[in-house]
N, C-alpha and C. Protein backbone atom coordinates (compact mmCIF):
# COMPACT_ATOMS: atom_id res chain seq x y z
N MET A 1 -8.88 -9.57 7.33
CA MET A 1 -7.41 -10.42 7.16
C MET A 1 -8.09 -10.83 5.81
N ARG A 2 -9.71 -11.09 5.41
CA ARG A 2 -9.81 -12.19 4.44
C ARG A 2 -9.66 -10.89 2.99
N LEU A 3 -9.43 -9.78 2.97
CA LEU A 3 -9.04 -8.81 1.85
C LEU A 3 -7.53 -9.79 0.97
N PHE A 4 -6.80 -9.59 2.22
CA PHE A 4 -5.60 -10.08 1.99
C PHE A 4 -5.26 -11.24 1.16
N LYS A 5 -6.25 -12.13 2.02
CA LYS A 5 -6.32 -13.71 1.33
C LYS A 5 -6.76 -13.73 0.17
N ARG A 6 -7.82 -13.04 -0.06
CA ARG A 6 -8.10 -13.01 -1.36
C ARG A 6 -7.59 -12.71 -2.78
N HIS A 7 -6.69 -12.16 -2.52
CA HIS A 7 -5.63 -11.52 -3.80
C HIS A 7 -5.02 -13.03 -4.53
N ASP A 8 -4.41 -13.78 -3.54
CA ASP A 8 -4.30 -15.05 -3.95
C ASP A 8 -4.85 -15.41 -5.41
N SER A 9 -6.20 -15.51 -5.14
CA SER A 9 -7.07 -16.01 -6.52
C SER A 9 -7.24 -15.11 -7.73
N GLY A 10 -6.37 -14.17 -7.47
CA GLY A 10 -7.11 -13.17 -8.22
C GLY A 10 -6.22 -13.04 -9.53
N ASN A 11 -5.97 -11.68 -10.13
CA ASN A 11 -5.19 -11.23 -11.01
C ASN A 11 -3.26 -11.36 -10.97
N PHE A 12 -3.10 -11.39 -9.57
CA PHE A 12 -1.98 -11.10 -9.19
C PHE A 12 -1.04 -12.36 -8.07
N PRO A 13 -1.19 -13.78 -8.54
CA PRO A 13 -0.95 -14.61 -7.61
C PRO A 13 0.84 -14.50 -7.28
N GLU A 14 1.50 -13.95 -7.54
CA GLU A 14 2.59 -13.48 -7.35
C GLU A 14 2.67 -12.71 -6.27
N LEU A 15 1.71 -11.91 -5.71
CA LEU A 15 1.80 -11.17 -4.64
C LEU A 15 1.83 -11.85 -3.18
N LYS A 16 2.25 -11.45 -2.33
CA LYS A 16 2.53 -12.18 -0.86
C LYS A 16 2.53 -10.93 -0.06
N VAL A 17 1.68 -11.46 1.09
CA VAL A 17 1.53 -10.37 2.18
C VAL A 17 2.38 -10.32 3.40
N THR A 18 3.37 -9.61 3.86
CA THR A 18 4.05 -9.48 4.86
C THR A 18 3.80 -8.43 5.89
N TRP A 19 3.85 -8.70 6.81
CA TRP A 19 3.67 -7.68 8.23
C TRP A 19 4.78 -7.04 8.65
N SER A 20 5.22 -5.44 8.42
CA SER A 20 6.15 -4.70 8.81
C SER A 20 5.67 -3.60 9.30
N TYR A 21 6.28 -3.08 10.59
CA TYR A 21 5.91 -1.78 11.29
C TYR A 21 4.37 -1.98 11.54
N GLY A 22 3.96 -3.11 11.66
CA GLY A 22 1.99 -3.22 12.28
C GLY A 22 1.41 -3.34 10.85
N VAL A 23 1.40 -3.08 9.79
CA VAL A 23 0.95 -2.57 8.45
C VAL A 23 1.30 -3.88 7.66
N PRO A 24 -0.23 -4.00 6.82
CA PRO A 24 0.25 -4.99 5.87
C PRO A 24 1.17 -4.55 4.58
N TYR A 25 2.10 -5.62 4.13
CA TYR A 25 3.18 -5.10 2.87
C TYR A 25 2.70 -5.91 1.88
N PHE A 26 2.64 -5.89 0.50
CA PHE A 26 2.44 -6.40 -0.68
C PHE A 26 3.51 -6.37 -1.24
N MET A 27 3.78 -7.74 -1.65
CA MET A 27 5.76 -8.02 -2.20
C MET A 27 5.33 -8.77 -3.32
N GLY A 28 6.27 -8.73 -4.28
CA GLY A 28 6.37 -9.50 -5.50
C GLY A 28 8.07 -10.09 -5.19
N LYS A 29 8.93 -9.34 -6.01
CA LYS A 29 10.62 -9.74 -5.65
C LYS A 29 11.06 -8.89 -4.05
N LYS A 30 10.00 -7.31 -4.57
CA LYS A 30 10.74 -6.48 -3.39
C LYS A 30 9.16 -6.13 -2.76
N ARG A 31 9.28 -4.84 -2.04
CA ARG A 31 7.98 -4.35 -1.93
C ARG A 31 7.58 -3.29 -2.55
N ILE A 32 6.12 -3.44 -2.19
CA ILE A 32 5.32 -2.65 -3.68
C ILE A 32 4.73 -1.79 -3.33
N PHE A 33 3.80 -2.11 -2.21
CA PHE A 33 2.98 -1.22 -1.61
C PHE A 33 2.32 -1.90 -0.52
N PHE A 34 1.99 -0.82 0.76
CA PHE A 34 1.33 -1.46 1.65
C PHE A 34 -0.12 -0.39 1.73
N LEU A 35 -0.65 -1.23 3.16
CA LEU A 35 -1.70 -0.13 3.25
C LEU A 35 -1.48 0.79 5.01
N TYR A 36 -1.63 1.86 5.44
CA TYR A 36 -1.67 2.70 6.23
C TYR A 36 -3.00 3.06 6.64
N PRO A 37 -3.58 2.61 7.99
CA PRO A 37 -5.10 3.33 8.43
C PRO A 37 -4.91 4.27 9.04
N SER A 38 -5.63 5.13 9.14
CA SER A 38 -5.70 6.47 9.96
C SER A 38 -5.79 6.30 11.04
N SER A 39 -6.25 5.30 11.84
CA SER A 39 -6.00 5.06 13.15
C SER A 39 -4.66 4.43 13.85
N PHE A 40 -3.77 4.30 13.21
CA PHE A 40 -2.58 3.80 13.06
C PHE A 40 -0.88 4.90 13.74
N PRO A 41 -0.70 5.46 14.35
CA PRO A 41 0.09 6.42 15.22
C PRO A 41 1.04 7.32 13.91
N HIS A 42 0.73 8.40 14.06
CA HIS A 42 1.73 9.05 13.14
C HIS A 42 0.88 9.08 11.63
N SER A 43 -0.28 9.00 11.70
CA SER A 43 -1.03 8.74 9.91
C SER A 43 -1.19 9.80 9.84
N ALA A 44 -0.96 10.60 8.67
CA ALA A 44 -1.13 11.80 8.35
C ALA A 44 -2.80 11.80 7.52
N ILE A 45 -3.46 11.21 7.59
CA ILE A 45 -4.98 11.13 7.23
C ILE A 45 -5.96 11.03 8.38
N GLN A 46 -7.04 11.72 8.01
CA GLN A 46 -8.59 11.80 9.59
C GLN A 46 -8.48 9.98 9.39
N GLN A 47 -9.52 9.85 8.60
CA GLN A 47 -10.06 8.54 8.45
C GLN A 47 -9.63 8.00 7.01
N GLY A 48 -10.37 6.85 7.07
CA GLY A 48 -10.01 5.52 6.06
C GLY A 48 -8.37 5.23 5.96
N ILE A 49 -7.96 4.75 5.04
CA ILE A 49 -6.59 3.89 4.94
C ILE A 49 -6.15 4.72 3.68
N ASN A 50 -4.51 4.77 3.57
CA ASN A 50 -3.79 5.49 2.76
C ASN A 50 -3.11 4.03 2.26
N LEU A 51 -3.44 3.83 0.78
CA LEU A 51 -2.48 3.32 -0.26
C LEU A 51 -1.25 3.85 -0.86
N ASP A 52 -0.04 3.51 0.19
CA ASP A 52 1.52 3.86 -0.14
C ASP A 52 2.01 3.15 -1.22
N PHE A 53 2.66 3.53 -2.09
CA PHE A 53 3.59 2.92 -2.72
C PHE A 53 5.38 3.25 -2.46
N VAL A 54 5.49 1.85 -2.16
CA VAL A 54 6.99 2.39 -1.47
C VAL A 54 7.83 3.14 -2.60
N ARG A 55 8.27 2.94 -3.76
CA ARG A 55 8.76 3.71 -4.72
C ARG A 55 8.26 4.15 -5.83
N GLY A 56 7.04 5.34 -4.82
CA GLY A 56 6.08 5.73 -5.62
C GLY A 56 6.39 7.35 -6.25
N TYR A 57 7.87 7.66 -5.97
CA TYR A 57 8.55 8.39 -6.37
C TYR A 57 8.77 8.43 -7.60
N GLU A 58 8.74 7.00 -8.29
CA GLU A 58 8.98 6.55 -9.87
C GLU A 58 7.90 6.29 -10.38
N LEU A 59 6.84 6.49 -10.07
CA LEU A 59 5.76 6.76 -10.81
C LEU A 59 5.05 7.71 -11.47
N SER A 60 4.93 7.65 -13.08
CA SER A 60 4.34 9.02 -13.67
C SER A 60 3.23 9.16 -13.04
N ASN A 61 2.71 10.99 -12.97
CA ASN A 61 1.52 11.31 -12.32
C ASN A 61 1.11 11.90 -13.34
N SER A 62 1.36 12.14 -14.79
CA SER A 62 1.45 13.26 -15.47
C SER A 62 -0.57 13.66 -15.49
N GLN A 63 -1.65 11.84 -15.35
CA GLN A 63 -2.72 12.55 -15.51
C GLN A 63 -2.93 13.04 -13.81
N GLY A 64 -2.32 13.19 -13.36
CA GLY A 64 -2.82 13.82 -11.53
C GLY A 64 -3.41 13.12 -11.06
N LEU A 65 -3.60 11.85 -11.13
CA LEU A 65 -4.29 10.94 -10.07
C LEU A 65 -3.79 10.54 -8.63
N LEU A 66 -2.35 10.63 -8.83
CA LEU A 66 -2.07 10.56 -7.37
C LEU A 66 -1.86 11.68 -6.73
N GLN A 67 -1.72 11.55 -5.32
CA GLN A 67 -1.21 12.35 -4.33
C GLN A 67 -0.45 12.03 -3.73
N MET A 68 0.57 13.18 -3.79
CA MET A 68 1.90 12.83 -3.41
C MET A 68 2.18 13.33 -2.14
N GLY A 69 1.33 13.73 -1.27
CA GLY A 69 1.27 13.79 -0.15
C GLY A 69 3.37 15.26 0.45
N ASN A 70 3.91 15.28 1.11
CA ASN A 70 4.87 16.07 1.59
C ASN A 70 6.33 15.42 1.51
N ARG A 71 5.97 14.18 0.75
CA ARG A 71 7.48 13.69 0.36
C ARG A 71 8.32 13.83 -0.30
């Protein structure tokens, strides 16, 4: 939980952390992204943590840095 509280003093003080569906969502005016651990039920990954963008389909991936998954 310390990681979530530390962001307040960083570059994005307007970000707020809320919990929904058992995972932390980072919000501005709307939900921006959430962290989804591999230990969570129905996780698509075997280990680690997914950083999922709520409206990720709107992001450009021209450099190929984003893994789009099967959605």
